[in-house]
Every structure is written in C-alpha cells, then in structure tokens.
C-alpha atoms as a PDB file:
ATOM      1  CA  UNK A   1       0.000   0.000   0.000  1.00  0.00           C
ATOM      2  CA  UNK A   2       1.597   3.275  -1.076  1.00  0.00           C
ATOM      3  CA  UNK A   3       1.029   6.423   0.967  1.00  0.00           C
ATOM      4  CA  UNK A   4       2.073   9.959   0.133  1.00  0.00           C
ATOM      5  CA  UNK A   5       5.103  11.050   2.179  1.00  0.00           C
ATOM      6  CA  UNK A   6       5.848  14.441   3.618  1.00  0.00           C
ATOM      7  CA  UNK A   7       9.515  14.422   2.549  1.00  0.00           C
ATOM      8  CA  UNK A   8      10.591  15.994   5.827  1.00  0.00           C
ATOM      9  CA  UNK A   9       9.207  13.351   8.195  1.00  0.00           C
ATOM     10  CA  UNK A  10       7.796   9.907   8.726  1.00  0.00           C
ATOM     11  CA  UNK A  11       4.418   9.531  10.412  1.00  0.00           C
ATOM     12  CA  UNK A  12       3.083   6.834  12.679  1.00  0.00           C
ATOM     13  CA  UNK A  13       0.964   5.671   9.739  1.00  0.00           C
ATOM     14  CA  UNK A  14       4.075   5.213   7.585  1.00  0.00           C
ATOM     15  CA  UNK A  15       5.714   3.198  10.347  1.00  0.00           C
ATOM     16  CA  UNK A  16       2.678   0.960  10.769  1.00  0.00           C
ATOM     17  CA  UNK A  17       2.443   0.442   7.006  1.00  0.00           C
ATOM     18  CA  UNK A  18       6.132  -0.507   6.918  1.00  0.00           C
ATOM     19  CA  UNK A  19       5.649  -2.936   9.812  1.00  0.00           C
ATOM     20  CA  UNK A  20       2.739  -4.559   7.983  1.00  0.00           C
ATOM     21  CA  UNK A  21       4.842  -4.970   4.839  1.00  0.00           C
ATOM     22  CA  UNK A  22       7.686  -6.433   6.921  1.00  0.00           C
ATOM     23  CA  UNK A  23       5.365  -8.942   8.595  1.00  0.00           C
ATOM     24  CA  UNK A  24       3.839  -9.937   5.243  1.00  0.00           C
ATOM     25  CA  UNK A  25       7.293 -10.485   3.747  1.00  0.00           C
ATOM     26  CA  UNK A  26       8.343 -12.592   6.751  1.00  0.00           C
ATOM     27  CA  UNK A  27       5.194 -14.699   6.462  1.00  0.00           C
ATOM     28  CA  UNK A  28       5.850 -15.303   2.758  1.00  0.00           C
ATOM     29  CA  UNK A  29       9.359 -16.513   3.615  1.00  0.00           C
ATOM     30  CA  UNK A  30       8.367 -18.337   6.825  1.00  0.00           C
ATOM     31  CA  UNK A  31      10.852 -16.295   8.896  1.00  0.00           C
ATOM     32  CA  UNK A  32      10.801 -14.852  12.431  1.00  0.00           C
ATOM     33  CA  UNK A  33      12.800 -11.614  12.438  1.00  0.00           C
ATOM     34  CA  UNK A  34      13.128  -8.184  14.031  1.00  0.00           C
ATOM     35  CA  UNK A  35      12.409  -4.806  12.440  1.00  0.00           C
ATOM     36  CA  UNK A  36      13.263  -1.201  13.223  1.00  0.00           C
ATOM     37  CA  UNK A  37      12.453   2.096  11.549  1.00  0.00           C
ATOM     38  CA  UNK A  38      14.183   5.369  12.382  1.00  0.00           C
ATOM     39  CA  UNK A  39      13.498   8.928  11.351  1.00  0.00           C
ATOM     40  CA  UNK A  40      16.119  10.932   9.460  1.00  0.00           C
ATOM     41  CA  UNK A  41      17.819  11.781  12.769  1.00  0.00           C
ATOM     42  CA  UNK A  42      18.334   8.120  13.641  1.00  0.00           C
ATOM     43  CA  UNK A  43      15.648   8.120  16.351  1.00  0.00           C
ATOM     44  CA  UNK A  44      13.601   4.937  16.588  1.00  0.00           C
ATOM     45  CA  UNK A  45      10.079   5.452  15.270  1.00  0.00           C
ATOM     46  CA  UNK A  46       9.044   1.807  15.611  1.00  0.00           C
ATOM     47  CA  UNK A  47      10.697  -1.470  16.566  1.00  0.00           C
ATOM     48  CA  UNK A  48       9.294  -4.980  16.619  1.00  0.00           C
ATOM     49  CA  UNK A  49      10.655  -8.421  17.454  1.00  0.00           C
ATOM     50  CA  UNK A  50       8.509 -11.261  16.157  1.00  0.00           C
ATOM     51  CA  UNK A  51       7.774 -14.052  18.635  1.00  0.00           C
ATOM     52  CA  UNK A  52      10.477 -16.649  18.077  1.00  0.00           C
ATOM     53  CA  UNK A  53      13.013 -14.244  16.560  1.00  0.00           C
ATOM     54  CA  UNK A  54      16.575 -14.395  17.873  1.00  0.00           C
ATOM     55  CA  UNK A  55      16.935 -12.425  21.109  1.00  0.00           C
ATOM     56  CA  UNK A  56      19.797 -10.294  19.795  1.00  0.00           C
ATOM     57  CA  UNK A  57      18.077  -9.461  16.537  1.00  0.00           C
ATOM     58  CA  UNK A  58      16.118  -6.430  17.761  1.00  0.00           C
ATOM     59  CA  UNK A  59      19.203  -4.531  18.913  1.00  0.00           C
ATOM     60  CA  UNK A  60      20.906  -5.312  15.625  1.00  0.00           C
ATOM     61  CA  UNK A  61      17.873  -4.164  13.609  1.00  0.00           C
ATOM     62  CA  UNK A  62      17.889  -0.834  15.460  1.00  0.00           C
ATOM     63  CA  UNK A  63      21.625  -0.342  14.882  1.00  0.00           C
ATOM     64  CA  UNK A  64      21.298  -1.292  11.195  1.00  0.00           C
ATOM     65  CA  UNK A  65      18.573   1.337  10.688  1.00  0.00           C
ATOM     66  CA  UNK A  66      20.667   3.909  12.591  1.00  0.00           C
ATOM     67  CA  UNK A  67      23.778   3.179  10.518  1.00  0.00           C
ATOM     68  CA  UNK A  68      21.855   3.443   7.239  1.00  0.00           C
ATOM     69  CA  UNK A  69      20.615   6.902   8.252  1.00  0.00           C
ATOM     70  CA  UNK A  70      23.920   8.074   9.727  1.00  0.00           C
ATOM     71  CA  UNK A  71      25.827   7.363   6.516  1.00  0.00           C
ATOM     72  CA  UNK A  72      22.954   7.559   3.990  1.00  0.00           C
ATOM     73  CA  UNK A  73      23.881   4.189   2.463  1.00  0.00           C
ATOM     74  CA  UNK A  74      22.825   0.578   2.949  1.00  0.00           C
ATOM     75  CA  UNK A  75      24.904  -1.073   5.663  1.00  0.00           C
ATOM     76  CA  UNK A  76      26.202  -3.539   3.085  1.00  0.00           C
ATOM     77  CA  UNK A  77      28.251  -0.687   1.598  1.00  0.00           C
ATOM     78  CA  UNK A  78      30.993  -1.380   4.190  1.00  0.00           C
ATOM     79  CA  UNK A  79      31.074  -5.172   4.225  1.00  0.00           C
ATOM     80  CA  UNK A  80      34.278  -5.447   2.183  1.00  0.00           C
ATOM     81  CA  UNK A  81      35.957  -2.143   3.046  1.00  0.00           C
ATOM     82  CA  UNK A  82      35.650  -2.718   6.810  1.00  0.00           C
ATOM     83  CA  UNK A  83      37.396  -6.100   6.781  1.00  0.00           C
ATOM     84  CA  UNK A  84      40.766  -6.285   8.591  1.00  0.00           C
ATOM     85  CA  UNK A  85      43.432  -4.418   6.662  1.00  0.00           C
ATOM     86  CA  UNK A  86      40.959  -2.546   4.449  1.00  0.00           C
ATOM     87  CA  UNK A  87      40.362   1.215   4.289  1.00  0.00           C
ATOM     88  CA  UNK A  88      37.411   1.272   6.719  1.00  0.00           C
ATOM     89  CA  UNK A  89      38.744  -1.286   9.208  1.00  0.00           C
ATOM     90  CA  UNK A  90      37.507  -0.241  12.659  1.00  0.00           C
ATOM     91  CA  UNK A  91      34.377   1.515  11.395  1.00  0.00           C
ATOM     92  CA  UNK A  92      32.175  -0.849  13.408  1.00  0.00           C
ATOM     93  CA  UNK A  93      33.735   0.519  16.605  1.00  0.00           C
ATOM     94  CA  UNK A  94      32.684   4.107  15.924  1.00  0.00           C
ATOM     95  CA  UNK A  95      29.630   5.988  17.203  1.00  0.00           C
ATOM     96  CA  UNK A  96      29.665   4.042  20.442  1.00  0.00           C
ATOM     97  CA  UNK A  97      29.791   0.700  18.647  1.00  0.00           C
ATOM     98  CA  UNK A  98      26.431   1.269  16.933  1.00  0.00           C
ATOM     99  CA  UNK A  99      27.783   1.148  13.375  1.00  0.00           C
ATOM    100  CA  UNK A 100      26.821  -2.070  11.594  1.00  0.00           C
ATOM    101  CA  UNK A 101      28.949  -3.109   8.621  1.00  0.00           C
ATOM    102  CA  UNK A 102      26.979  -6.056   7.243  1.00  0.00           C
ATOM    103  CA  UNK A 103      23.727  -6.164   5.253  1.00  0.00           C
ATOM    104  CA  UNK A 104      20.293  -5.509   6.689  1.00  0.00           C
ATOM    105  CA  UNK A 105      20.039  -1.739   7.074  1.00  0.00           C
ATOM    106  CA  UNK A 106      18.844   0.591   4.323  1.00  0.00           C
ATOM    107  CA  UNK A 107      18.090   4.307   4.192  1.00  0.00           C
ATOM    108  CA  UNK A 108      14.702   5.557   3.044  1.00  0.00           C
ATOM    109  CA  UNK A 109      14.837   8.225   0.340  1.00  0.00           C
ATOM    110  CA  UNK A 110      11.782   9.986  -1.059  1.00  0.00           C
ATOM    111  CA  UNK A 111      12.307  12.346  -3.999  1.00  0.00           C
ATOM    112  CA  UNK A 112      16.041  12.345  -3.300  1.00  0.00           C
ATOM    113  CA  UNK A 113      15.642  13.327   0.368  1.00  0.00           C
ATOM    114  CA  UNK A 114      16.607  11.144   3.313  1.00  0.00           C
ATOM    115  CA  UNK A 115      13.501  10.545   5.447  1.00  0.00           C
ATOM    116  CA  UNK A 116      14.578   7.590   7.606  1.00  0.00           C
ATOM    117  CA  UNK A 117      16.037   4.119   7.765  1.00  0.00           C
ATOM    118  CA  UNK A 118      14.954   0.512   8.123  1.00  0.00           C
ATOM    119  CA  UNK A 119      16.837  -2.319   9.784  1.00  0.00           C
ATOM    120  CA  UNK A 120      15.996  -6.014   9.649  1.00  0.00           C
ATOM    121  CA  UNK A 121      17.819  -8.758  11.532  1.00  0.00           C
ATOM    122  CA  UNK A 122      17.505 -12.412  12.420  1.00  0.00           C
ATOM    123  CA  UNK A 123      18.438 -14.459   9.377  1.00  0.00           C
ATOM    124  CA  UNK A 124      21.178 -14.438   6.739  1.00  0.00           C
ATOM    125  CA  UNK A 125      22.285 -10.795   6.449  1.00  0.00           C
ATOM    126  CA  UNK A 126      21.692 -10.628   2.696  1.00  0.00           C
ATOM    127  CA  UNK A 127      18.116 -11.820   3.261  1.00  0.00           C
ATOM    128  CA  UNK A 128      17.702  -9.183   5.978  1.00  0.00           C
ATOM    129  CA  UNK A 129      18.666  -6.557   3.398  1.00  0.00           C
ATOM    130  CA  UNK A 130      16.356  -7.986   0.730  1.00  0.00           C
ATOM    131  CA  UNK A 131      13.433  -7.685   3.136  1.00  0.00           C
ATOM    132  CA  UNK A 132      14.378  -4.169   4.275  1.00  0.00           C
ATOM    133  CA  UNK A 133      14.667  -3.067   0.650  1.00  0.00           C
ATOM    134  CA  UNK A 134      11.296  -4.638  -0.205  1.00  0.00           C
ATOM    135  CA  UNK A 135       9.668  -2.677   2.619  1.00  0.00           C
ATOM    136  CA  UNK A 136      11.196   0.596   1.391  1.00  0.00           C
ATOM    137  CA  UNK A 137       9.971  -0.079  -2.146  1.00  0.00           C
ATOM    138  CA  UNK A 138       6.499  -0.990  -0.860  1.00  0.00           C
ATOM    139  CA  UNK A 139       6.361   2.498   0.685  1.00  0.00           C
ATOM    140  CA  UNK A 140       7.035   3.989  -2.737  1.00  0.00           C
ATOM    141  CA  UNK A 141      10.537   5.047  -1.725  1.00  0.00           C
ATOM    142  CA  UNK A 142      14.120   4.159  -2.678  1.00  0.00           C
ATOM    143  CA  UNK A 143      17.288   3.085  -0.866  1.00  0.00           C
ATOM    144  CA  UNK A 144      19.464   5.436  -2.953  1.00  0.00           C
ATOM    145  CA  UNK A 145      18.847   9.146  -3.624  1.00  0.00           C
END
C-alpha cells in the first residue's frame, strides 16, 4: 500500500504500514525476524521483534537502521571495506559501537531526500537486506537518492 510522504518526516501511519509490509514479507518466507524504523535523525520510530526471533536481533535491527541513516547508504556498503586491513577497518567501533557493517540496514529516500532508515535482523544478512529493501519499495521510496 503506497502512501504519500511528507519528505521531511515519517508519520506513525508510515511506520505501521512498513511494519505490515515487513510482517507480510516474513510470512511469505516463513521467517521470524526483528524490524526497526528510524526517522532521518536516527531516532527509533518503531521497533518490533517477532515471537520466536533471535533475542539479539532487535538490537541489531535498530543499529542497522541507525547506521543506514547516519551514513545515507545501505549497511552492506561497508562489508568489504571494513574487513581487517581494508580502508574502513575499525568503522564498526565508531559511534559508540552502533555502526553495523553487514547487510540488513537501508536508508529511506523519497524524492532524493533522506527521510529515515529501516533495519531487519535475524536471518542471513543478505536476506535481511532484501526484506528491508522490499519494505522501502512498498512504501514507494528508494534506498538510494
């Protein structure tokens, strides 16, 4: 379900729509995961851990959404460059250890403007990112400006 966005903010309705899309996608894949949505300032708008999801997955989902907003890129952007000996080695230890350098967090862009971020956690990281991206697209938004 697409809803018109005020490009400067996310509403509670947008968050609930995103959560519904996340839950639908998890049902289709028979997965139990965690979800977080932040506003463009990295503040949590909504978080949800499905019954049966890994206990640590909610904290990771929140940090993935935060990282995507903080750097305006999907968290997968640093998977290779943050490996030992690479140019961004140590990035995961910045911002109080909240930076996540593996897939699952994506920014939300509407008309080229950053409006928030989504983080998904609890299964293979690339699947987490596929689901987060699907939710962003279901909102009529993009993960790149």
